[in-house]
Full PDB file with SEQRES, HELIX, SHEET, SSBOND, CRYST1, ORIGX, SCALE, CONECT and MASTER records, all heavy atoms in Angstrom:
SEQRES   1 A   42  THR SER TYR ALA SER SER GLY GLY GLY ARG PRO GLU GLY          
SEQRES   2 A   42  PHE SER ILE VAL GLY LYS GLU MET LYS ILE ARG PRO VAL          
SEQRES   3 A   42  PRO ASP ASP ALA TYR THR MET GLU ILE VAL TYR ILE GLY          
SEQRES   4 A   42  SER LEU GLU                                                  
SHEET    1 AA1 2 GLY A   8  GLY A   9  0                                        
SHEET    2 AA1 2 VAL A  26  PRO A  27  1                                        
SHEET    1 AA2 2 GLY A  13  VAL A  17  0                                        
SHEET    2 AA2 2 GLU A  20  ARG A  24 -1                                        
CRYST1    1.000    1.000    1.000  90.00  90.00  90.00 P 1           1          
ORIGX1      1.000000  0.000000  0.000000        0.00000                         
ORIGX2      0.000000  1.000000  0.000000        0.00000                         
ORIGX3      0.000000  0.000000  1.000000        0.00000                         
SCALE1      1.000000  0.000000  0.000000        0.00000                         
SCALE2      0.000000  1.000000  0.000000        0.00000                         
SCALE3      0.000000  0.000000  1.000000        0.00000                         
ATOM      1  N   THR A   1     -13.545 -29.054 -31.158  1.00  0.00           N  
ATOM      2  CA  THR A   1     -14.103 -29.022 -29.804  1.00  0.00           C  
ATOM      3  C   THR A   1     -15.135 -27.916 -29.646  1.00  0.00           C  
ATOM      4  O   THR A   1     -16.202 -28.114 -29.039  1.00  0.00           O  
ATOM      5  CB  THR A   1     -12.976 -28.824 -28.770  1.00  0.00           C  
ATOM      6  OG1 THR A   1     -12.028 -29.889 -28.879  1.00  0.00           O  
ATOM      7  CG2 THR A   1     -13.538 -28.787 -27.358  1.00  0.00           C  
ATOM      8  N   SER A   2     -14.831 -26.748 -30.191  1.00  0.00           N  
ATOM      9  CA  SER A   2     -15.724 -25.599 -30.050  1.00  0.00           C  
ATOM     10  C   SER A   2     -16.997 -25.752 -30.869  1.00  0.00           C  
ATOM     11  O   SER A   2     -18.049 -25.220 -30.497  1.00  0.00           O  
ATOM     12  CB  SER A   2     -14.987 -24.321 -30.461  1.00  0.00           C  
ATOM     13  OG  SER A   2     -13.851 -24.105 -29.650  1.00  0.00           O  
ATOM     14  N   TYR A   3     -16.869 -26.449 -31.992  1.00  0.00           N  
ATOM     15  CA  TYR A   3     -18.037 -26.649 -32.871  1.00  0.00           C  
ATOM     16  C   TYR A   3     -18.165 -28.141 -33.154  1.00  0.00           C  
ATOM     17  O   TYR A   3     -17.937 -28.614 -34.262  1.00  0.00           O  
ATOM     18  CB  TYR A   3     -17.873 -25.856 -34.170  1.00  0.00           C  
ATOM     19  CG  TYR A   3     -17.747 -24.367 -33.953  1.00  0.00           C  
ATOM     20  CD1 TYR A   3     -16.499 -23.752 -33.891  1.00  0.00           C  
ATOM     21  CD2 TYR A   3     -18.875 -23.570 -33.797  1.00  0.00           C  
ATOM     22  CE1 TYR A   3     -16.371 -22.383 -33.685  1.00  0.00           C  
ATOM     23  CE2 TYR A   3     -18.772 -22.202 -33.586  1.00  0.00           C  
ATOM     24  CZ  TYR A   3     -17.511 -21.613 -33.529  1.00  0.00           C  
ATOM     25  OH  TYR A   3     -17.396 -20.250 -33.314  1.00  0.00           O  
ATOM     26  N   ALA A   4     -18.532 -28.872 -32.112  1.00  0.00           N  
ATOM     27  CA  ALA A   4     -18.586 -30.330 -32.208  1.00  0.00           C  
ATOM     28  C   ALA A   4     -19.768 -30.823 -33.027  1.00  0.00           C  
ATOM     29  O   ALA A   4     -19.719 -31.908 -33.622  1.00  0.00           O  
ATOM     30  CB  ALA A   4     -18.638 -30.936 -30.805  1.00  0.00           C  
ATOM     31  N   SER A   5     -20.815 -30.033 -33.097  1.00  0.00           N  
ATOM     32  CA  SER A   5     -22.009 -30.464 -33.823  1.00  0.00           C  
ATOM     33  C   SER A   5     -21.749 -30.446 -35.322  1.00  0.00           C  
ATOM     34  O   SER A   5     -21.049 -29.574 -35.840  1.00  0.00           O  
ATOM     35  CB  SER A   5     -23.185 -29.540 -33.498  1.00  0.00           C  
ATOM     36  OG  SER A   5     -24.287 -29.829 -34.334  1.00  0.00           O  
ATOM     37  N   SER A   6     -22.304 -31.420 -36.027  1.00  0.00           N  
ATOM     38  CA  SER A   6     -22.170 -31.481 -37.482  1.00  0.00           C  
ATOM     39  C   SER A   6     -23.252 -30.665 -38.183  1.00  0.00           C  
ATOM     40  O   SER A   6     -23.317 -30.623 -39.404  1.00  0.00           O  
ATOM     41  CB  SER A   6     -22.234 -32.938 -37.964  1.00  0.00           C  
ATOM     42  OG  SER A   6     -23.487 -33.524 -37.606  1.00  0.00           O  
ATOM     43  N   GLY A   7     -24.079 -30.010 -37.380  1.00  0.00           N  
ATOM     44  CA  GLY A   7     -25.156 -29.205 -37.952  1.00  0.00           C  
ATOM     45  C   GLY A   7     -24.623 -27.984 -38.675  1.00  0.00           C  
ATOM     46  O   GLY A   7     -23.542 -27.471 -38.381  1.00  0.00           O  
ATOM     47  N   GLY A   8     -25.390 -27.495 -39.642  1.00  0.00           N  
ATOM     48  CA  GLY A   8     -24.961 -26.357 -40.434  1.00  0.00           C  
ATOM     49  C   GLY A   8     -25.319 -25.027 -39.798  1.00  0.00           C  
ATOM     50  O   GLY A   8     -26.084 -24.951 -38.841  1.00  0.00           O  
ATOM     51  N   GLY A   9     -24.733 -23.973 -40.330  1.00  0.00           N  
ATOM     52  CA  GLY A   9     -24.991 -22.631 -39.840  1.00  0.00           C  
ATOM     53  C   GLY A   9     -24.083 -21.640 -40.537  1.00  0.00           C  
ATOM     54  O   GLY A   9     -23.352 -21.988 -41.461  1.00  0.00           O  
ATOM     55  N   ARG A  10     -24.118 -20.400 -40.077  1.00  0.00           N  
ATOM     56  CA  ARG A  10     -23.220 -19.405 -40.644  1.00  0.00           C  
ATOM     57  C   ARG A  10     -21.843 -19.584 -39.997  1.00  0.00           C  
ATOM     58  O   ARG A  10     -21.722 -19.534 -38.772  1.00  0.00           O  
ATOM     59  CB  ARG A  10     -23.743 -17.993 -40.387  1.00  0.00           C  
ATOM     60  CG  ARG A  10     -22.912 -16.926 -41.111  1.00  0.00           C  
ATOM     61  CD  ARG A  10     -23.587 -15.579 -41.113  1.00  0.00           C  
ATOM     62  NE  ARG A  10     -23.541 -14.943 -39.804  1.00  0.00           N  
ATOM     63  CZ  ARG A  10     -23.865 -13.665 -39.588  1.00  0.00           C  
ATOM     64  NH1 ARG A  10     -24.281 -12.906 -40.592  1.00  0.00           N  
ATOM     65  NH2 ARG A  10     -23.807 -13.162 -38.373  1.00  0.00           N  
ATOM     66  N   PRO A  11     -20.786 -19.770 -40.793  1.00  0.00           N  
ATOM     67  CA  PRO A  11     -19.451 -20.009 -40.236  1.00  0.00           C  
ATOM     68  C   PRO A  11     -18.993 -18.898 -39.300  1.00  0.00           C  
ATOM     69  O   PRO A  11     -19.248 -17.719 -39.545  1.00  0.00           O  
ATOM     70  CB  PRO A  11     -18.568 -20.086 -41.485  1.00  0.00           C  
ATOM     71  CG  PRO A  11     -19.493 -20.563 -42.564  1.00  0.00           C  
ATOM     72  CD  PRO A  11     -20.792 -19.888 -42.258  1.00  0.00           C  
ATOM     73  N   GLU A  12     -18.304 -19.314 -38.246  1.00  0.00           N  
ATOM     74  CA  GLU A  12     -17.777 -18.373 -37.256  1.00  0.00           C  
ATOM     75  C   GLU A  12     -16.284 -18.576 -36.997  1.00  0.00           C  
ATOM     76  O   GLU A  12     -15.623 -17.677 -36.485  1.00  0.00           O  
ATOM     77  CB  GLU A  12     -18.540 -18.524 -35.934  1.00  0.00           C  
ATOM     78  CG  GLU A  12     -20.026 -18.213 -36.043  1.00  0.00           C  
ATOM     79  CD  GLU A  12     -20.753 -18.457 -34.726  1.00  0.00           C  
ATOM     80  OE1 GLU A  12     -20.096 -18.945 -33.774  1.00  0.00           O  
ATOM     81  OE2 GLU A  12     -21.954 -18.167 -34.645  1.00  0.00           O  
ATOM     82  N   GLY A  13     -15.765 -19.764 -37.286  1.00  0.00           N  
ATOM     83  CA  GLY A  13     -14.369 -20.068 -37.009  1.00  0.00           C  
ATOM     84  C   GLY A  13     -13.734 -20.832 -38.144  1.00  0.00           C  
ATOM     85  O   GLY A  13     -14.414 -21.435 -38.980  1.00  0.00           O  
ATOM     86  N   PHE A  14     -12.398 -20.811 -38.162  1.00  0.00           N  
ATOM     87  CA  PHE A  14     -11.680 -21.542 -39.208  1.00  0.00           C  
ATOM     88  C   PHE A  14     -10.364 -22.073 -38.665  1.00  0.00           C  
ATOM     89  O   PHE A  14      -9.853 -21.625 -37.639  1.00  0.00           O  
ATOM     90  CB  PHE A  14     -11.409 -20.644 -40.417  1.00  0.00           C  
ATOM     91  CG  PHE A  14     -10.296 -19.635 -40.197  1.00  0.00           C  
ATOM     92  CD1 PHE A  14      -8.993 -19.897 -40.607  1.00  0.00           C  
ATOM     93  CD2 PHE A  14     -10.553 -18.416 -39.570  1.00  0.00           C  
ATOM     94  CE1 PHE A  14      -7.977 -18.970 -40.406  1.00  0.00           C  
ATOM     95  CE2 PHE A  14      -9.544 -17.488 -39.364  1.00  0.00           C  
ATOM     96  CZ  PHE A  14      -8.242 -17.761 -39.777  1.00  0.00           C  
ATOM     97  N   SER A  15      -9.802 -23.040 -39.383  1.00  0.00           N  
ATOM     98  CA  SER A  15      -8.473 -23.556 -39.085  1.00  0.00           C  
ATOM     99  C   SER A  15      -7.817 -23.944 -40.412  1.00  0.00           C  
ATOM    100  O   SER A  15      -8.471 -23.994 -41.453  1.00  0.00           O  
ATOM    101  CB  SER A  15      -8.542 -24.771 -38.150  1.00  0.00           C  
ATOM    102  OG  SER A  15      -7.250 -25.111 -37.693  1.00  0.00           O  
ATOM    103  N   ILE A  16      -6.516 -24.195 -40.354  1.00  0.00           N  
ATOM    104  CA  ILE A  16      -5.782 -24.584 -41.551  1.00  0.00           C  
ATOM    105  C   ILE A  16      -5.416 -26.051 -41.442  1.00  0.00           C  
ATOM    106  O   ILE A  16      -4.794 -26.479 -40.457  1.00  0.00           O  
ATOM    107  CB  ILE A  16      -4.493 -23.739 -41.722  1.00  0.00           C  
ATOM    108  CG1 ILE A  16      -4.819 -22.253 -41.716  1.00  0.00           C  
ATOM    109  CG2 ILE A  16      -3.769 -24.143 -42.998  1.00  0.00           C  
ATOM    110  CD1 ILE A  16      -5.727 -21.803 -42.836  1.00  0.00           C  
ATOM    111  N   VAL A  17      -5.788 -26.816 -42.441  1.00  0.00           N  
ATOM    112  CA  VAL A  17      -5.479 -28.247 -42.493  1.00  0.00           C  
ATOM    113  C   VAL A  17      -4.827 -28.536 -43.842  1.00  0.00           C  
ATOM    114  O   VAL A  17      -5.517 -28.601 -44.869  1.00  0.00           O  
ATOM    115  CB  VAL A  17      -6.744 -29.115 -42.306  1.00  0.00           C  
ATOM    116  CG1 VAL A  17      -6.371 -30.592 -42.344  1.00  0.00           C  
ATOM    117  CG2 VAL A  17      -7.456 -28.769 -41.009  1.00  0.00           C  
ATOM    118  N   GLY A  18      -3.514 -28.677 -43.834  1.00  0.00           N  
ATOM    119  CA  GLY A  18      -2.809 -28.903 -45.100  1.00  0.00           C  
ATOM    120  C   GLY A  18      -2.989 -27.739 -46.055  1.00  0.00           C  
ATOM    121  O   GLY A  18      -2.713 -26.582 -45.722  1.00  0.00           O  
ATOM    122  N   LYS A  19      -3.493 -28.019 -47.239  1.00  0.00           N  
ATOM    123  CA  LYS A  19      -3.698 -26.997 -48.251  1.00  0.00           C  
ATOM    124  C   LYS A  19      -5.127 -26.462 -48.263  1.00  0.00           C  
ATOM    125  O   LYS A  19      -5.535 -25.775 -49.197  1.00  0.00           O  
ATOM    126  CB  LYS A  19      -3.354 -27.556 -49.642  1.00  0.00           C  
ATOM    127  CG  LYS A  19      -1.897 -27.950 -49.809  1.00  0.00           C  
ATOM    128  CD  LYS A  19      -1.628 -28.485 -51.207  1.00  0.00           C  
ATOM    129  CE  LYS A  19      -0.159 -28.875 -51.366  1.00  0.00           C  
ATOM    130  NZ  LYS A  19       0.115 -29.399 -52.735  1.00  0.00           N  
ATOM    131  N   GLU A  20      -5.876 -26.786 -47.204  1.00  0.00           N  
ATOM    132  CA  GLU A  20      -7.277 -26.382 -47.149  1.00  0.00           C  
ATOM    133  C   GLU A  20      -7.579 -25.601 -45.876  1.00  0.00           C  
ATOM    134  O   GLU A  20      -6.867 -25.698 -44.878  1.00  0.00           O  
ATOM    135  CB  GLU A  20      -8.186 -27.608 -47.231  1.00  0.00           C  
ATOM    136  CG  GLU A  20      -8.090 -28.371 -48.537  1.00  0.00           C  
ATOM    137  CD  GLU A  20      -9.008 -29.571 -48.548  1.00  0.00           C  
ATOM    138  OE1 GLU A  20      -8.878 -30.409 -47.624  1.00  0.00           O  
ATOM    139  OE2 GLU A  20      -9.841 -29.688 -49.461  1.00  0.00           O  
ATOM    140  N   MET A  21      -8.657 -24.843 -45.942  1.00  0.00           N  
ATOM    141  CA  MET A  21      -9.186 -24.159 -44.770  1.00  0.00           C  
ATOM    142  C   MET A  21     -10.437 -24.917 -44.325  1.00  0.00           C  
ATOM    143  O   MET A  21     -11.309 -25.229 -45.139  1.00  0.00           O  
ATOM    144  CB  MET A  21      -9.536 -22.709 -45.098  1.00  0.00           C  
ATOM    145  CG  MET A  21     -10.100 -21.929 -43.923  1.00  0.00           C  
ATOM    146  SD  MET A  21     -10.358 -20.171 -44.331  1.00  0.00           S  
ATOM    147  CE  MET A  21      -8.645 -19.625 -44.416  1.00  0.00           C  
ATOM    148  N   LYS A  22     -10.475 -25.212 -43.022  1.00  0.00           N  
ATOM    149  CA  LYS A  22     -11.631 -25.899 -42.450  1.00  0.00           C  
ATOM    150  C   LYS A  22     -12.490 -24.876 -41.747  1.00  0.00           C  
ATOM    151  O   LYS A  22     -11.982 -24.046 -40.986  1.00  0.00           O  
ATOM    152  CB  LYS A  22     -11.170 -26.973 -41.467  1.00  0.00           C  
ATOM    153  CG  LYS A  22     -12.303 -27.817 -40.884  1.00  0.00           C  
ATOM    154  CD  LYS A  22     -11.737 -28.918 -40.000  1.00  0.00           C  
ATOM    155  CE  LYS A  22     -12.826 -29.803 -39.431  1.00  0.00           C  
ATOM    156  NZ  LYS A  22     -12.273 -30.904 -38.609  1.00  0.00           N  
ATOM    157  N   ILE A  23     -13.806 -24.930 -41.986  1.00  0.00           N  
ATOM    158  CA  ILE A  23     -14.720 -23.899 -41.508  1.00  0.00           C  
ATOM    159  C   ILE A  23     -15.819 -24.539 -40.659  1.00  0.00           C  
ATOM    160  O   ILE A  23     -16.362 -25.585 -41.008  1.00  0.00           O  
ATOM    161  CB  ILE A  23     -15.363 -23.154 -42.704  1.00  0.00           C  
ATOM    162  CG1 ILE A  23     -14.268 -22.632 -43.636  1.00  0.00           C  
ATOM    163  CG2 ILE A  23     -16.238 -22.008 -42.228  1.00  0.00           C  
ATOM    164  CD1 ILE A  23     -14.762 -22.339 -45.013  1.00  0.00           C  
ATOM    165  N   ARG A  24     -16.124 -23.895 -39.553  1.00  0.00           N  
ATOM    166  CA  ARG A  24     -17.210 -24.338 -38.689  1.00  0.00           C  
ATOM    167  C   ARG A  24     -18.004 -23.133 -38.193  1.00  0.00           C  
ATOM    168  O   ARG A  24     -17.406 -22.071 -37.982  1.00  0.00           O  
ATOM    169  CB  ARG A  24     -16.663 -25.114 -37.487  1.00  0.00           C  
ATOM    170  CG  ARG A  24     -16.114 -26.498 -37.815  1.00  0.00           C  
ATOM    171  CD  ARG A  24     -17.240 -27.481 -38.119  1.00  0.00           C  
ATOM    172  NE  ARG A  24     -16.717 -28.795 -38.459  1.00  0.00           N  
ATOM    173  CZ  ARG A  24     -16.471 -29.762 -37.568  1.00  0.00           C  
ATOM    174  NH1 ARG A  24     -16.715 -29.553 -36.287  1.00  0.00           N  
ATOM    175  NH2 ARG A  24     -16.020 -30.932 -37.956  1.00  0.00           N  
ATOM    176  N   PRO A  25     -19.303 -23.263 -37.954  1.00  0.00           N  
ATOM    177  CA  PRO A  25     -20.140 -24.382 -38.335  1.00  0.00           C  
ATOM    178  C   PRO A  25     -20.068 -24.666 -39.840  1.00  0.00           C  
ATOM    179  O   PRO A  25     -19.703 -23.791 -40.623  1.00  0.00           O  
ATOM    180  CB  PRO A  25     -21.555 -23.925 -37.935  1.00  0.00           C  
ATOM    181  CG  PRO A  25     -21.337 -22.880 -36.890  1.00  0.00           C  
ATOM    182  CD  PRO A  25     -20.078 -22.183 -37.305  1.00  0.00           C  
ATOM    183  N   VAL A  26     -20.424 -25.866 -40.210  1.00  0.00           N  
ATOM    184  CA  VAL A  26     -20.441 -26.225 -41.631  1.00  0.00           C  
ATOM    185  C   VAL A  26     -21.399 -25.278 -42.355  1.00  0.00           C  
ATOM    186  O   VAL A  26     -22.541 -25.072 -41.894  1.00  0.00           O  
ATOM    187  CB  VAL A  26     -20.905 -27.687 -41.814  1.00  0.00           C  
ATOM    188  CG1 VAL A  26     -20.969 -28.042 -43.290  1.00  0.00           C  
ATOM    189  CG2 VAL A  26     -19.984 -28.636 -41.060  1.00  0.00           C  
ATOM    190  N   PRO A  27     -20.971 -24.658 -43.446  1.00  0.00           N  
ATOM    191  CA  PRO A  27     -21.828 -23.674 -44.128  1.00  0.00           C  
ATOM    192  C   PRO A  27     -23.200 -24.246 -44.486  1.00  0.00           C  
ATOM    193  O   PRO A  27     -23.311 -25.373 -44.978  1.00  0.00           O  
ATOM    194  CB  PRO A  27     -21.033 -23.339 -45.397  1.00  0.00           C  
ATOM    195  CG  PRO A  27     -19.617 -23.642 -45.052  1.00  0.00           C  
ATOM    196  CD  PRO A  27     -19.674 -24.825 -44.135  1.00  0.00           C  
ATOM    197  N   ASP A  28     -24.214 -23.449 -44.211  1.00  0.00           N  
ATOM    198  CA  ASP A  28     -25.575 -23.868 -44.568  1.00  0.00           C  
ATOM    199  C   ASP A  28     -26.092 -23.094 -45.777  1.00  0.00           C  
ATOM    200  O   ASP A  28     -27.276 -23.175 -46.119  1.00  0.00           O  
ATOM    201  CB  ASP A  28     -26.523 -23.667 -43.378  1.00  0.00           C  
ATOM    202  CG  ASP A  28     -26.642 -22.202 -42.974  1.00  0.00           C  
ATOM    203  OD1 ASP A  28     -25.891 -21.359 -43.517  1.00  0.00           O  
ATOM    204  OD2 ASP A  28     -27.488 -21.902 -42.107  1.00  0.00           O  
ATOM    205  N   ASP A  29     -25.203 -22.336 -46.404  1.00  0.00           N  
ATOM    206  CA  ASP A  29     -25.596 -21.544 -47.568  1.00  0.00           C  
ATOM    207  C   ASP A  29     -24.341 -21.245 -48.393  1.00  0.00           C  
ATOM    208  O   ASP A  29     -23.217 -21.499 -47.960  1.00  0.00           O  
ATOM    209  CB  ASP A  29     -26.264 -20.238 -47.114  1.00  0.00           C  
ATOM    210  CG  ASP A  29     -27.146 -19.624 -48.194  1.00  0.00           C  
ATOM    211  OD1 ASP A  29     -27.094 -20.112 -49.345  1.00  0.00           O  
ATOM    212  OD2 ASP A  29     -27.870 -18.665 -47.892  1.00  0.00           O  
ATOM    213  N   ALA A  30     -24.547 -20.680 -49.562  1.00  0.00           N  
ATOM    214  CA  ALA A  30     -23.430 -20.350 -50.455  1.00  0.00           C  
ATOM    215  C   ALA A  30     -22.889 -18.961 -50.111  1.00  0.00           C  
ATOM    216  O   ALA A  30     -23.017 -18.009 -50.890  1.00  0.00           O  
ATOM    217  CB  ALA A  30     -23.872 -20.432 -51.912  1.00  0.00           C  
ATOM    218  N   TYR A  31     -22.251 -18.846 -48.941  1.00  0.00           N  
ATOM    219  CA  TYR A  31     -21.695 -17.567 -48.506  1.00  0.00           C  
ATOM    220  C   TYR A  31     -20.477 -17.180 -49.347  1.00  0.00           C  
ATOM    221  O   TYR A  31     -19.739 -18.045 -49.817  1.00  0.00           O  
ATOM    222  CB  TYR A  31     -21.265 -17.649 -47.041  1.00  0.00           C  
ATOM    223  CG  TYR A  31     -22.365 -17.950 -46.069  1.00  0.00           C  
ATOM    224  CD1 TYR A  31     -22.549 -19.245 -45.579  1.00  0.00           C  
ATOM    225  CD2 TYR A  31     -23.216 -16.950 -45.612  1.00  0.00           C  
ATOM    226  CE1 TYR A  31     -23.562 -19.527 -44.668  1.00  0.00           C  
ATOM    227  CE2 TYR A  31     -24.225 -17.217 -44.702  1.00  0.00           C  
ATOM    228  CZ  TYR A  31     -24.401 -18.516 -44.233  1.00  0.00           C  
ATOM    229  OH  TYR A  31     -25.401 -18.789 -43.334  1.00  0.00           O  
ATOM    230  N   THR A  32     -20.271 -15.879 -49.502  1.00  0.00           N  
ATOM    231  CA  THR A  32     -19.058 -15.386 -50.142  1.00  0.00           C  
ATOM    232  C   THR A  32     -18.031 -15.094 -49.060  1.00  0.00           C  
ATOM    233  O   THR A  32     -18.274 -14.279 -48.171  1.00  0.00           O  
ATOM    234  CB  THR A  32     -19.326 -14.107 -50.965  1.00  0.00           C  
ATOM    235  OG1 THR A  32     -20.257 -14.403 -51.997  1.00  0.00           O  
ATOM    236  CG2 THR A  32     -18.031 -13.587 -51.582  1.00  0.00           C  
ATOM    237  N   MET A  33     -16.904 -15.783 -49.124  1.00  0.00           N  
ATOM    238  CA  MET A  33     -15.850 -15.626 -48.127  1.00  0.00           C  
ATOM    239  C   MET A  33     -14.666 -14.898 -48.740  1.00  0.00           C  
ATOM    240  O   MET A  33     -14.321 -15.108 -49.906  1.00  0.00           O  
ATOM    241  CB  MET A  33     -15.390 -16.983 -47.603  1.00  0.00           C  
ATOM    242  CG  MET A  33     -14.423 -16.883 -46.436  1.00  0.00           C  
ATOM    243  SD  MET A  33     -14.029 -18.512 -45.722  1.00  0.00           S  
ATOM    244  CE  MET A  33     -12.923 -19.143 -46.985  1.00  0.00           C  
ATOM    245  N   GLU A  34     -14.062 -14.022 -47.944  1.00  0.00           N  
ATOM    246  CA  GLU A  34     -12.890 -13.272 -48.402  1.00  0.00           C  
ATOM    247  C   GLU A  34     -11.724 -13.551 -47.463  1.00  0.00           C  
ATOM    248  O   GLU A  34     -11.871 -13.496 -46.244  1.00  0.00           O  
ATOM    249  CB  GLU A  34     -13.189 -11.773 -48.431  1.00  0.00           C  
ATOM    250  CG  GLU A  34     -12.012 -10.924 -48.889  1.00  0.00           C  
ATOM    251  CD  GLU A  34     -12.363  -9.452 -48.984  1.00  0.00           C  
ATOM    252  OE1 GLU A  34     -13.519  -9.143 -49.394  1.00  0.00           O  
ATOM    253  OE2 GLU A  34     -11.524  -8.603 -48.636  1.00  0.00           O  
ATOM    254  N   ILE A  35     -10.569 -13.868 -48.044  1.00  0.00           N  
ATOM    255  CA  ILE A  35      -9.355 -14.117 -47.278  1.00  0.00           C  
ATOM    256  C   ILE A  35      -8.356 -13.011 -47.598  1.00  0.00           C  
ATOM    257  O   ILE A  35      -8.042 -12.758 -48.763  1.00  0.00           O  
ATOM    258  CB  ILE A  35      -8.726 -15.476 -47.633  1.00  0.00           C  
ATOM    259  CG1 ILE A  35      -9.722 -16.608 -47.427  1.00  0.00           C  
ATOM    260  CG2 ILE A  35      -7.469 -15.719 -46.794  1.00  0.00           C  
ATOM    261  CD1 ILE A  35      -9.213 -17.958 -47.912  1.00  0.00           C  
ATOM    262  N   VAL A  36      -7.885 -12.334 -46.567  1.00  0.00           N  
ATOM    263  CA  VAL A  36      -6.796 -11.363 -46.719  1.00  0.00           C  
ATOM    264  C   VAL A  36      -5.541 -12.066 -46.215  1.00  0.00           C  
ATOM    265  O   VAL A  36      -5.516 -12.563 -45.085  1.00  0.00           O  
ATOM    266  CB  VAL A  36      -7.055 -10.082 -45.901  1.00  0.00           C  
ATOM    267  CG1 VAL A  36      -5.888  -9.100 -46.066  1.00  0.00           C  
ATOM    268  CG2 VAL A  36      -8.368  -9.434 -46.340  1.00  0.00           C  
ATOM    269  N   TYR A  37      -4.522 -12.135 -47.056  1.00  0.00           N  
ATOM    270  CA  TYR A  37      -3.359 -12.941 -46.694  1.00  0.00           C  
ATOM    271  C   TYR A  37      -2.062 -12.369 -47.255  1.00  0.00           C  
ATOM    272  O   TYR A  37      -2.073 -11.470 -48.104  1.00  0.00           O  
ATOM    273  CB  TYR A  37      -3.542 -14.374 -47.196  1.00  0.00           C  
ATOM    274  CG  TYR A  37      -3.490 -14.537 -48.710  1.00  0.00           C  
ATOM    275  CD1 TYR A  37      -2.320 -14.969 -49.344  1.00  0.00           C  
ATOM    276  CD2 TYR A  37      -4.607 -14.279 -49.501  1.00  0.00           C  
ATOM    277  CE1 TYR A  37      -2.265 -15.124 -50.723  1.00  0.00           C  
ATOM    278  CE2 TYR A  37      -4.565 -14.442 -50.877  1.00  0.00           C  
ATOM    279  CZ  TYR A  37      -3.399 -14.862 -51.489  1.00  0.00           C  
ATOM    280  OH  TYR A  37      -3.350 -15.018 -52.857  1.00  0.00           O  
ATOM    281  N   ILE A  38      -0.956 -12.893 -46.735  1.00  0.00           N  
ATOM    282  CA  ILE A  38       0.365 -12.575 -47.254  1.00  0.00           C  
ATOM    283  C   ILE A  38       0.749 -13.694 -48.208  1.00  0.00           C  
ATOM    284  O   ILE A  38       0.756 -14.870 -47.832  1.00  0.00           O  
ATOM    285  CB  ILE A  38       1.414 -12.461 -46.131  1.00  0.00           C  
ATOM    286  CG1 ILE A  38       1.085 -11.285 -45.217  1.00  0.00           C  
ATOM    287  CG2 ILE A  38       2.817 -12.285 -46.719  1.00  0.00           C  
ATOM    288  CD1 ILE A  38       1.179  -9.928 -45.886  1.00  0.00           C  
ATOM    289  N   GLY A  39       1.064 -13.326 -49.436  1.00  0.00           N  
ATOM    290  CA  GLY A  39       1.444 -14.307 -50.443  1.00  0.00           C  
ATOM    291  C   GLY A  39       2.885 -14.109 -50.892  1.00  0.00           C  
ATOM    292  O   GLY A  39       3.646 -13.348 -50.302  1.00  0.00           O  
ATOM    293  N   SER A  40       3.229 -14.791 -51.951  1.00  0.00           N  
ATOM    294  CA  SER A  40       4.586 -14.697 -52.486  1.00  0.00           C  
ATOM    295  C   SER A  40       4.770 -13.404 -53.264  1.00  0.00           C  
ATOM    296  O   SER A  40       3.807 -12.799 -53.751  1.00  0.00           O  
ATOM    297  CB  SER A  40       4.863 -15.887 -53.414  1.00  0.00           C  
ATOM    298  OG  SER A  40       4.744 -17.107 -52.729  1.00  0.00           O  
ATOM    299  N   LEU A  41       6.022 -12.988 -53.393  1.00  0.00           N  
ATOM    300  CA  LEU A  41       6.339 -11.844 -54.239  1.00  0.00           C  
ATOM    301  C   LEU A  41       6.162 -12.206 -55.703  1.00  0.00           C  
ATOM    302  O   LEU A  41       6.399 -13.350 -56.103  1.00  0.00           O  
ATOM    303  CB  LEU A  41       7.799 -11.419 -54.024  1.00  0.00           C  
ATOM    304  CG  LEU A  41       8.140 -10.615 -52.775  1.00  0.00           C  
ATOM    305  CD1 LEU A  41       9.646 -10.540 -52.615  1.00  0.00           C  
ATOM    306  CD2 LEU A  41       7.549  -9.215 -52.867  1.00  0.00           C  
ATOM    307  N   GLU A  42       5.761 -11.232 -56.495  1.00  0.00           N  
ATOM    308  CA  GLU A  42       5.712 -11.428 -57.936  1.00  0.00           C  
ATOM    309  C   GLU A  42       7.132 -11.565 -58.457  1.00  0.00           C  
ATOM    310  O   GLU A  42       8.034 -10.829 -58.052  1.00  0.00           O  
ATOM    311  CB  GLU A  42       5.029 -10.227 -58.606  1.00  0.00           C  
ATOM    312  CG  GLU A  42       4.960 -10.320 -60.118  1.00  0.00           C  
ATOM    313  CD  GLU A  42       4.414  -9.056 -60.747  1.00  0.00           C  
ATOM    314  OE1 GLU A  42       4.373  -8.018 -60.052  1.00  0.00           O  
ATOM    315  OE2 GLU A  42       4.048  -9.090 -61.937  1.00  0.00           O  
TER     316      GLU A  42                                                      
MASTER        0    0    0    0    4    0    0    6  315    1    0    4          
END                                                                             
């Protein structure tokens, strides 16, 4: 709803869909993204 346009741009928002992250606006370049997260214990 917030990013209804299919046009590209620099991403500003994300959501989680299954095993993937969905990003909007759709990336218009090969940006380097960093995720800080809580994972499993070794």
